[in-house]
Amino acid sequence: MTSRLSFMAVVLALLTACANTTMPPAVSAGVDGQVPNANQLLGQLSLPPGARLLSDQSLIIGSGDNWVGRVVLDVGRNPDTAYGFFLESYPPQGWAVVSAVRGKTSLLVLTRQERTATVELIDGGLLGTSQIVLTMAPRNATVMLPKKP
């Protein structure tokens, strides 16, 4: 719960900071909800093969290698492949694995330079499709916790 509050505080702070800056034009999703070229939004960040970006559930602030926010991906019925993809392909790109938890809902925390990536993989079970929630935030962001009234 605390991590979600922290994430919301970071996103709110970033939205406030970005309010007076010019944002690049939005990239529209196709009819199927897939972004034609995810690299336009996510820069050099690689995604698992076959992953489909769910634009209606994602919040991407900025673009290229400096984006922050949340990206929701549909990765089909093989969550093990997607989990392995992040563990095998991100460290060679300079990402350090800080934490890795494997289960029905798996969680990876990675850092690179001044950025932190949190990868939450939700196993869809036998009949559903699995999803990944990829959250990107500045590594040393000031977090302002809400005060009780």
N, C-alpha and C. Protein backbone atom coordinates (compact mmCIF):
# COMPACT_ATOMS: atom_id res chain seq x y z
N MET A 1 0.82 -1.18 0.00
CA MET A 1 0.00 0.00 0.00
C MET A 1 0.87 1.25 0.00
N THR A 2 1.92 1.24 0.82
CA THR A 2 2.81 2.39 0.90
C THR A 2 3.47 2.66 -0.44
N SER A 3 3.87 1.59 -1.16
CA SER A 3 4.52 1.78 -2.44
C SER A 3 3.56 2.41 -3.46
N ARG A 4 2.31 2.07 -3.40
CA ARG A 4 1.34 2.67 -4.32
C ARG A 4 1.13 4.15 -4.00
N LEU A 5 1.08 4.47 -2.69
CA LEU A 5 0.96 5.88 -2.31
C LEU A 5 2.20 6.65 -2.74
N SER A 6 3.36 6.03 -2.59
CA SER A 6 4.60 6.68 -3.01
C SER A 6 4.58 6.90 -4.51
N PHE A 7 4.15 5.91 -5.27
CA PHE A 7 4.09 6.03 -6.73
C PHE A 7 3.16 7.16 -7.13
N MET A 8 1.98 7.21 -6.49
CA MET A 8 1.02 8.26 -6.82
C MET A 8 1.59 9.64 -6.49
N ALA A 9 2.32 9.75 -5.38
CA ALA A 9 2.93 11.03 -5.01
C ALA A 9 3.97 11.44 -6.04
N VAL A 10 4.76 10.48 -6.52
CA VAL A 10 5.78 10.78 -7.53
C VAL A 10 5.12 11.23 -8.83
N VAL A 11 4.08 10.51 -9.26
CA VAL A 11 3.39 10.87 -10.49
C VAL A 11 2.76 12.26 -10.37
N LEU A 12 2.15 12.55 -9.22
CA LEU A 12 1.56 13.86 -9.01
C LEU A 12 2.62 14.95 -9.05
N ALA A 13 3.76 14.71 -8.42
CA ALA A 13 4.86 15.68 -8.45
C ALA A 13 5.36 15.89 -9.87
N LEU A 14 5.46 14.81 -10.63
CA LEU A 14 5.93 14.93 -12.01
C LEU A 14 4.93 15.67 -12.89
N LEU A 15 3.65 15.40 -12.68
CA LEU A 15 2.63 16.11 -13.45
C LEU A 15 2.67 17.61 -13.15
N THR A 16 2.87 17.95 -11.88
CA THR A 16 2.97 19.35 -11.50
C THR A 16 4.19 19.99 -12.12
N ALA A 17 5.32 19.28 -12.10
CA ALA A 17 6.56 19.80 -12.67
C ALA A 17 6.46 19.97 -14.18
N CYS A 18 5.70 19.09 -14.81
CA CYS A 18 5.58 19.14 -16.28
C CYS A 18 4.48 20.08 -16.76
N ALA A 19 3.72 20.64 -15.86
CA ALA A 19 2.57 21.45 -16.24
C ALA A 19 2.96 22.66 -17.07
N ASN A 20 4.14 23.22 -16.84
CA ASN A 20 4.55 24.42 -17.55
C ASN A 20 5.50 24.14 -18.70
N THR A 21 5.73 22.89 -19.02
CA THR A 21 6.64 22.57 -20.12
C THR A 21 5.84 22.09 -21.31
N THR A 22 6.41 22.22 -22.48
CA THR A 22 5.75 21.76 -23.69
C THR A 22 5.99 20.27 -23.85
N MET A 23 4.91 19.52 -23.94
CA MET A 23 5.00 18.08 -24.09
C MET A 23 5.04 17.74 -25.57
N PRO A 24 5.78 16.67 -25.94
CA PRO A 24 5.78 16.27 -27.33
C PRO A 24 4.40 15.78 -27.73
N PRO A 25 4.09 15.78 -29.01
CA PRO A 25 2.77 15.34 -29.44
C PRO A 25 2.52 13.89 -29.04
N ALA A 26 1.27 13.60 -28.72
CA ALA A 26 0.90 12.25 -28.33
C ALA A 26 0.97 11.32 -29.53
N VAL A 27 1.33 10.09 -29.27
CA VAL A 27 1.33 9.06 -30.31
C VAL A 27 0.03 8.30 -30.14
N SER A 28 -0.76 8.25 -31.18
CA SER A 28 -2.06 7.60 -31.06
C SER A 28 -1.94 6.10 -31.25
N ALA A 29 -2.81 5.38 -30.55
CA ALA A 29 -2.85 3.93 -30.66
C ALA A 29 -3.75 3.54 -31.81
N GLY A 30 -3.49 2.35 -32.33
CA GLY A 30 -4.33 1.82 -33.40
C GLY A 30 -5.66 1.34 -32.86
N VAL A 31 -6.49 0.80 -33.73
CA VAL A 31 -7.81 0.31 -33.35
C VAL A 31 -7.71 -0.79 -32.29
N ASP A 32 -6.65 -1.62 -32.37
CA ASP A 32 -6.49 -2.71 -31.42
C ASP A 32 -5.85 -2.27 -30.11
N GLY A 33 -5.58 -0.97 -29.93
CA GLY A 33 -4.98 -0.46 -28.71
C GLY A 33 -3.47 -0.53 -28.71
N GLN A 34 -2.88 -0.99 -29.79
CA GLN A 34 -1.44 -1.14 -29.88
C GLN A 34 -0.81 0.11 -30.48
N VAL A 35 0.31 0.54 -29.89
CA VAL A 35 1.03 1.70 -30.41
C VAL A 35 1.86 1.22 -31.59
N PRO A 36 1.76 1.87 -32.76
CA PRO A 36 2.48 1.41 -33.94
C PRO A 36 3.99 1.26 -33.72
N ASN A 37 4.62 2.19 -33.04
CA ASN A 37 6.05 2.10 -32.76
C ASN A 37 6.28 2.52 -31.32
N ALA A 38 6.34 1.53 -30.41
CA ALA A 38 6.50 1.81 -28.99
C ALA A 38 7.80 2.54 -28.70
N ASN A 39 8.81 2.39 -29.56
CA ASN A 39 10.08 3.08 -29.33
C ASN A 39 9.92 4.59 -29.43
N GLN A 40 8.91 5.08 -30.13
CA GLN A 40 8.65 6.51 -30.15
C GLN A 40 8.37 7.00 -28.74
N LEU A 41 7.67 6.21 -27.96
CA LEU A 41 7.33 6.59 -26.60
C LEU A 41 8.39 6.17 -25.59
N LEU A 42 8.90 4.97 -25.73
CA LEU A 42 9.72 4.38 -24.68
C LEU A 42 11.21 4.42 -24.96
N GLY A 43 11.64 4.99 -26.05
CA GLY A 43 13.06 5.11 -26.35
C GLY A 43 13.72 3.76 -26.54
N GLN A 44 14.86 3.57 -25.92
CA GLN A 44 15.65 2.35 -26.07
C GLN A 44 15.15 1.18 -25.22
N LEU A 45 14.11 1.39 -24.43
CA LEU A 45 13.60 0.36 -23.55
C LEU A 45 12.97 -0.76 -24.37
N SER A 46 13.49 -1.97 -24.24
CA SER A 46 12.96 -3.08 -25.02
C SER A 46 11.82 -3.76 -24.27
N LEU A 47 10.90 -4.30 -25.03
CA LEU A 47 9.74 -4.99 -24.48
C LEU A 47 9.77 -6.44 -24.91
N PRO A 48 9.12 -7.33 -24.15
CA PRO A 48 9.10 -8.75 -24.53
C PRO A 48 8.49 -8.95 -25.91
N PRO A 49 8.99 -9.93 -26.66
CA PRO A 49 8.43 -10.20 -27.99
C PRO A 49 6.94 -10.50 -27.90
N GLY A 50 6.17 -9.90 -28.77
CA GLY A 50 4.72 -10.12 -28.80
C GLY A 50 3.93 -9.31 -27.80
N ALA A 51 4.61 -8.51 -26.97
CA ALA A 51 3.89 -7.71 -25.98
C ALA A 51 3.08 -6.64 -26.69
N ARG A 52 1.89 -6.41 -26.19
CA ARG A 52 1.00 -5.41 -26.77
C ARG A 52 0.74 -4.33 -25.73
N LEU A 53 1.09 -3.09 -26.04
CA LEU A 53 0.90 -1.97 -25.13
C LEU A 53 -0.57 -1.61 -25.07
N LEU A 54 -1.13 -1.60 -23.87
CA LEU A 54 -2.53 -1.25 -23.67
C LEU A 54 -2.60 0.24 -23.34
N SER A 55 -2.79 1.05 -24.37
CA SER A 55 -2.69 2.50 -24.22
C SER A 55 -3.77 3.07 -23.29
N ASP A 56 -4.94 2.46 -23.25
CA ASP A 56 -6.01 2.99 -22.41
C ASP A 56 -5.74 2.79 -20.92
N GLN A 57 -4.82 1.90 -20.57
CA GLN A 57 -4.49 1.66 -19.17
C GLN A 57 -3.13 2.23 -18.79
N SER A 58 -2.43 2.81 -19.76
CA SER A 58 -1.08 3.32 -19.54
C SER A 58 -1.09 4.83 -19.33
N LEU A 59 -0.10 5.32 -18.61
CA LEU A 59 0.09 6.75 -18.40
C LEU A 59 1.56 7.04 -18.67
N ILE A 60 1.84 7.65 -19.80
CA ILE A 60 3.22 7.92 -20.21
C ILE A 60 3.40 9.43 -20.27
N ILE A 61 4.33 9.93 -19.47
CA ILE A 61 4.63 11.35 -19.44
C ILE A 61 5.99 11.53 -20.11
N GLY A 62 6.02 12.32 -21.17
CA GLY A 62 7.24 12.51 -21.94
C GLY A 62 7.37 11.41 -22.98
N SER A 63 8.57 11.29 -23.55
CA SER A 63 8.80 10.25 -24.55
C SER A 63 10.30 10.00 -24.66
N GLY A 64 10.64 9.02 -25.47
CA GLY A 64 12.05 8.68 -25.64
C GLY A 64 12.64 8.09 -24.38
N ASP A 65 13.92 8.33 -24.16
CA ASP A 65 14.61 7.72 -23.02
C ASP A 65 14.35 8.42 -21.69
N ASN A 66 13.56 9.48 -21.68
CA ASN A 66 13.30 10.21 -20.44
C ASN A 66 11.85 10.11 -19.97
N TRP A 67 11.08 9.21 -20.51
CA TRP A 67 9.68 9.10 -20.12
C TRP A 67 9.57 8.60 -18.69
N VAL A 68 8.47 8.94 -18.05
CA VAL A 68 8.12 8.42 -16.74
C VAL A 68 6.66 8.04 -16.77
N GLY A 69 6.25 7.19 -15.85
CA GLY A 69 4.85 6.81 -15.78
C GLY A 69 4.66 5.31 -15.69
N ARG A 70 3.54 4.87 -16.24
CA ARG A 70 3.14 3.46 -16.15
C ARG A 70 2.76 2.96 -17.53
N VAL A 71 3.29 1.81 -17.89
CA VAL A 71 2.96 1.16 -19.16
C VAL A 71 2.36 -0.20 -18.82
N VAL A 72 1.19 -0.48 -19.35
CA VAL A 72 0.54 -1.77 -19.15
C VAL A 72 0.66 -2.55 -20.45
N LEU A 73 1.16 -3.78 -20.33
CA LEU A 73 1.39 -4.63 -21.50
C LEU A 73 0.62 -5.93 -21.36
N ASP A 74 0.03 -6.37 -22.44
CA ASP A 74 -0.56 -7.70 -22.52
C ASP A 74 0.53 -8.60 -23.09
N VAL A 75 0.93 -9.63 -22.34
CA VAL A 75 2.02 -10.51 -22.81
C VAL A 75 1.54 -11.91 -23.13
N GLY A 76 0.23 -12.08 -23.29
CA GLY A 76 -0.29 -13.37 -23.69
C GLY A 76 -0.34 -14.38 -22.56
N ARG A 77 -0.18 -15.64 -22.93
CA ARG A 77 -0.37 -16.72 -21.95
C ARG A 77 0.92 -17.32 -21.44
N ASN A 78 2.05 -16.71 -21.71
CA ASN A 78 3.31 -17.27 -21.23
C ASN A 78 4.06 -16.25 -20.37
N PRO A 79 3.65 -16.11 -19.10
CA PRO A 79 4.30 -15.13 -18.23
C PRO A 79 5.76 -15.48 -17.93
N ASP A 80 6.10 -16.77 -17.95
CA ASP A 80 7.48 -17.17 -17.67
C ASP A 80 8.46 -16.60 -18.69
N THR A 81 8.06 -16.56 -19.94
CA THR A 81 8.91 -16.01 -20.99
C THR A 81 9.11 -14.52 -20.77
N ALA A 82 8.05 -13.80 -20.44
CA ALA A 82 8.15 -12.36 -20.20
C ALA A 82 9.03 -12.07 -18.99
N TYR A 83 8.87 -12.83 -17.91
CA TYR A 83 9.68 -12.64 -16.71
C TYR A 83 11.16 -12.88 -17.04
N GLY A 84 11.43 -13.96 -17.74
CA GLY A 84 12.80 -14.27 -18.15
C GLY A 84 13.38 -13.20 -19.05
N PHE A 85 12.54 -12.61 -19.91
CA PHE A 85 13.00 -11.56 -20.81
C PHE A 85 13.61 -10.41 -20.03
N PHE A 86 12.91 -9.93 -19.01
CA PHE A 86 13.41 -8.81 -18.22
C PHE A 86 14.68 -9.18 -17.46
N LEU A 87 14.72 -10.37 -16.88
CA LEU A 87 15.90 -10.80 -16.12
C LEU A 87 17.13 -11.00 -17.01
N GLU A 88 16.92 -11.44 -18.25
CA GLU A 88 18.05 -11.73 -19.14
C GLU A 88 18.46 -10.55 -20.01
N SER A 89 17.52 -9.72 -20.44
CA SER A 89 17.87 -8.68 -21.40
C SER A 89 18.15 -7.32 -20.79
N TYR A 90 17.65 -7.02 -19.61
CA TYR A 90 17.87 -5.69 -19.03
C TYR A 90 19.26 -5.50 -18.43
N PRO A 91 19.83 -6.46 -17.68
CA PRO A 91 21.19 -6.26 -17.15
C PRO A 91 22.25 -5.96 -18.23
N PRO A 92 22.25 -6.62 -19.39
CA PRO A 92 23.23 -6.24 -20.42
C PRO A 92 23.04 -4.82 -20.96
N GLN A 93 21.84 -4.24 -20.75
CA GLN A 93 21.56 -2.87 -21.18
C GLN A 93 21.91 -1.85 -20.10
N GLY A 94 22.53 -2.33 -19.01
CA GLY A 94 22.94 -1.42 -17.94
C GLY A 94 22.01 -1.36 -16.75
N TRP A 95 20.95 -2.13 -16.75
CA TRP A 95 20.01 -2.15 -15.63
C TRP A 95 20.52 -3.12 -14.56
N ALA A 96 20.52 -2.69 -13.31
CA ALA A 96 20.91 -3.55 -12.19
C ALA A 96 19.65 -4.05 -11.51
N VAL A 97 19.59 -5.36 -11.27
CA VAL A 97 18.44 -5.95 -10.58
C VAL A 97 18.60 -5.69 -9.09
N VAL A 98 17.65 -4.96 -8.51
CA VAL A 98 17.66 -4.64 -7.09
C VAL A 98 16.90 -5.70 -6.31
N SER A 99 15.79 -6.15 -6.89
CA SER A 99 14.94 -7.13 -6.22
C SER A 99 14.20 -7.95 -7.27
N ALA A 100 14.03 -9.25 -6.99
CA ALA A 100 13.27 -10.12 -7.89
C ALA A 100 12.45 -11.09 -7.04
N VAL A 101 11.15 -11.07 -7.23
CA VAL A 101 10.24 -11.95 -6.51
C VAL A 101 9.40 -12.67 -7.55
N ARG A 102 9.33 -13.99 -7.46
CA ARG A 102 8.59 -14.79 -8.44
C ARG A 102 7.41 -15.44 -7.75
N GLY A 103 6.22 -15.31 -8.33
CA GLY A 103 5.01 -15.90 -7.79
C GLY A 103 3.85 -15.66 -8.73
N LYS A 104 2.62 -15.82 -8.24
CA LYS A 104 1.43 -15.54 -9.06
C LYS A 104 1.49 -14.10 -9.56
N THR A 105 1.91 -13.19 -8.70
CA THR A 105 2.24 -11.82 -9.10
C THR A 105 3.72 -11.66 -8.83
N SER A 106 4.50 -11.49 -9.87
CA SER A 106 5.95 -11.37 -9.76
C SER A 106 6.34 -9.90 -9.79
N LEU A 107 7.45 -9.58 -9.15
CA LEU A 107 7.89 -8.20 -9.08
C LEU A 107 9.40 -8.12 -9.28
N LEU A 108 9.81 -7.23 -10.17
CA LEU A 108 11.23 -6.94 -10.39
C LEU A 108 11.44 -5.45 -10.20
N VAL A 109 12.52 -5.10 -9.52
CA VAL A 109 12.91 -3.70 -9.38
C VAL A 109 14.30 -3.58 -9.97
N LEU A 110 14.46 -2.67 -10.93
CA LEU A 110 15.74 -2.47 -11.61
C LEU A 110 16.10 -0.99 -11.58
N THR A 111 17.39 -0.70 -11.56
CA THR A 111 17.84 0.69 -11.62
C THR A 111 18.91 0.83 -12.69
N ARG A 112 18.95 2.02 -13.28
CA ARG A 112 20.00 2.38 -14.23
C ARG A 112 20.17 3.89 -14.17
N GLN A 113 21.38 4.32 -13.91
CA GLN A 113 21.69 5.74 -13.78
C GLN A 113 20.71 6.37 -12.81
N GLU A 114 19.93 7.31 -13.25
CA GLU A 114 18.99 8.02 -12.37
C GLU A 114 17.55 7.58 -12.55
N ARG A 115 17.36 6.32 -12.98
CA ARG A 115 16.00 5.83 -13.21
C ARG A 115 15.75 4.52 -12.49
N THR A 116 14.51 4.31 -12.09
CA THR A 116 14.09 3.07 -11.46
C THR A 116 12.93 2.50 -12.27
N ALA A 117 13.03 1.23 -12.60
CA ALA A 117 11.95 0.53 -13.30
C ALA A 117 11.40 -0.55 -12.38
N THR A 118 10.09 -0.56 -12.21
CA THR A 118 9.42 -1.60 -11.44
C THR A 118 8.57 -2.39 -12.42
N VAL A 119 8.79 -3.69 -12.47
CA VAL A 119 8.07 -4.57 -13.39
C VAL A 119 7.19 -5.49 -12.55
N GLU A 120 5.88 -5.32 -12.68
CA GLU A 120 4.94 -6.18 -11.97
C GLU A 120 4.27 -7.07 -13.01
N LEU A 121 4.44 -8.37 -12.89
CA LEU A 121 3.87 -9.32 -13.84
C LEU A 121 2.74 -10.07 -13.15
N ILE A 122 1.53 -9.93 -13.69
CA ILE A 122 0.35 -10.57 -13.13
C ILE A 122 -0.01 -11.75 -14.01
N ASP A 123 0.13 -12.94 -13.45
CA ASP A 123 -0.16 -14.18 -14.17
C ASP A 123 -1.66 -14.28 -14.41
N GLY A 124 -2.06 -14.47 -15.66
CA GLY A 124 -3.47 -14.54 -16.03
C GLY A 124 -4.11 -15.89 -15.77
N GLY A 125 -3.34 -16.87 -15.32
CA GLY A 125 -3.89 -18.19 -15.07
C GLY A 125 -4.09 -18.99 -16.35
N LEU A 126 -4.84 -20.06 -16.26
CA LEU A 126 -5.03 -20.96 -17.40
C LEU A 126 -5.84 -20.34 -18.54
N LEU A 127 -6.84 -19.56 -18.21
CA LEU A 127 -7.73 -19.04 -19.25
C LEU A 127 -7.48 -17.58 -19.61
N GLY A 128 -6.79 -16.84 -18.77
CA GLY A 128 -6.59 -15.42 -19.02
C GLY A 128 -5.23 -15.13 -19.62
N THR A 129 -5.05 -13.88 -20.00
CA THR A 129 -3.75 -13.45 -20.50
C THR A 129 -3.01 -12.72 -19.39
N SER A 130 -1.71 -12.82 -19.41
CA SER A 130 -0.89 -12.18 -18.39
C SER A 130 -0.61 -10.74 -18.76
N GLN A 131 -0.46 -9.92 -17.75
CA GLN A 131 -0.16 -8.51 -17.97
C GLN A 131 1.09 -8.11 -17.21
N ILE A 132 1.75 -7.10 -17.75
CA ILE A 132 2.90 -6.51 -17.09
C ILE A 132 2.57 -5.04 -16.87
N VAL A 133 2.83 -4.57 -15.66
CA VAL A 133 2.72 -3.15 -15.37
C VAL A 133 4.15 -2.68 -15.14
N LEU A 134 4.66 -1.88 -16.06
CA LEU A 134 6.02 -1.36 -16.02
C LEU A 134 5.95 0.10 -15.58
N THR A 135 6.52 0.38 -14.42
CA THR A 135 6.51 1.74 -13.87
C THR A 135 7.91 2.30 -13.94
N MET A 136 8.05 3.48 -14.53
CA MET A 136 9.35 4.13 -14.66
C MET A 136 9.29 5.45 -13.89
N ALA A 137 10.29 5.67 -13.04
CA ALA A 137 10.32 6.89 -12.23
C ALA A 137 11.77 7.32 -12.03
N PRO A 138 11.96 8.60 -11.71
CA PRO A 138 13.31 9.05 -11.36
C PRO A 138 13.79 8.32 -10.11
N ARG A 139 15.06 7.99 -10.05
CA ARG A 139 15.61 7.20 -8.95
C ARG A 139 15.58 7.95 -7.63
N ASN A 140 15.91 9.20 -7.62
CA ASN A 140 16.00 9.97 -6.38
C ASN A 140 14.91 11.03 -6.29
N ALA A 141 13.71 10.68 -6.71
CA ALA A 141 12.61 11.64 -6.68
C ALA A 141 12.20 11.94 -5.25
N THR A 142 11.87 13.17 -5.00
CA THR A 142 11.37 13.56 -3.69
C THR A 142 9.94 13.07 -3.57
N VAL A 143 9.68 12.28 -2.55
CA VAL A 143 8.36 11.72 -2.36
C VAL A 143 7.67 12.49 -1.24
N MET A 144 6.50 13.01 -1.57
CA MET A 144 5.72 13.74 -0.58
C MET A 144 4.53 12.89 -0.21
N LEU A 145 4.51 12.40 1.02
CA LEU A 145 3.41 11.57 1.48
C LEU A 145 2.24 12.44 1.87
N PRO A 146 1.03 12.00 1.56
CA PRO A 146 -0.14 12.79 1.94
C PRO A 146 -0.29 12.82 3.47
N LYS A 147 -0.75 13.95 3.97
CA LYS A 147 -0.95 14.10 5.41
C LYS A 147 -2.39 13.78 5.75
N LYS A 148 -2.56 13.21 6.93
CA LYS A 148 -3.91 12.89 7.39
C LYS A 148 -4.62 14.20 7.77
N PRO A 149 -5.90 14.31 7.44
CA PRO A 149 -6.64 15.54 7.78
C PRO A 149 -6.88 15.69 9.26
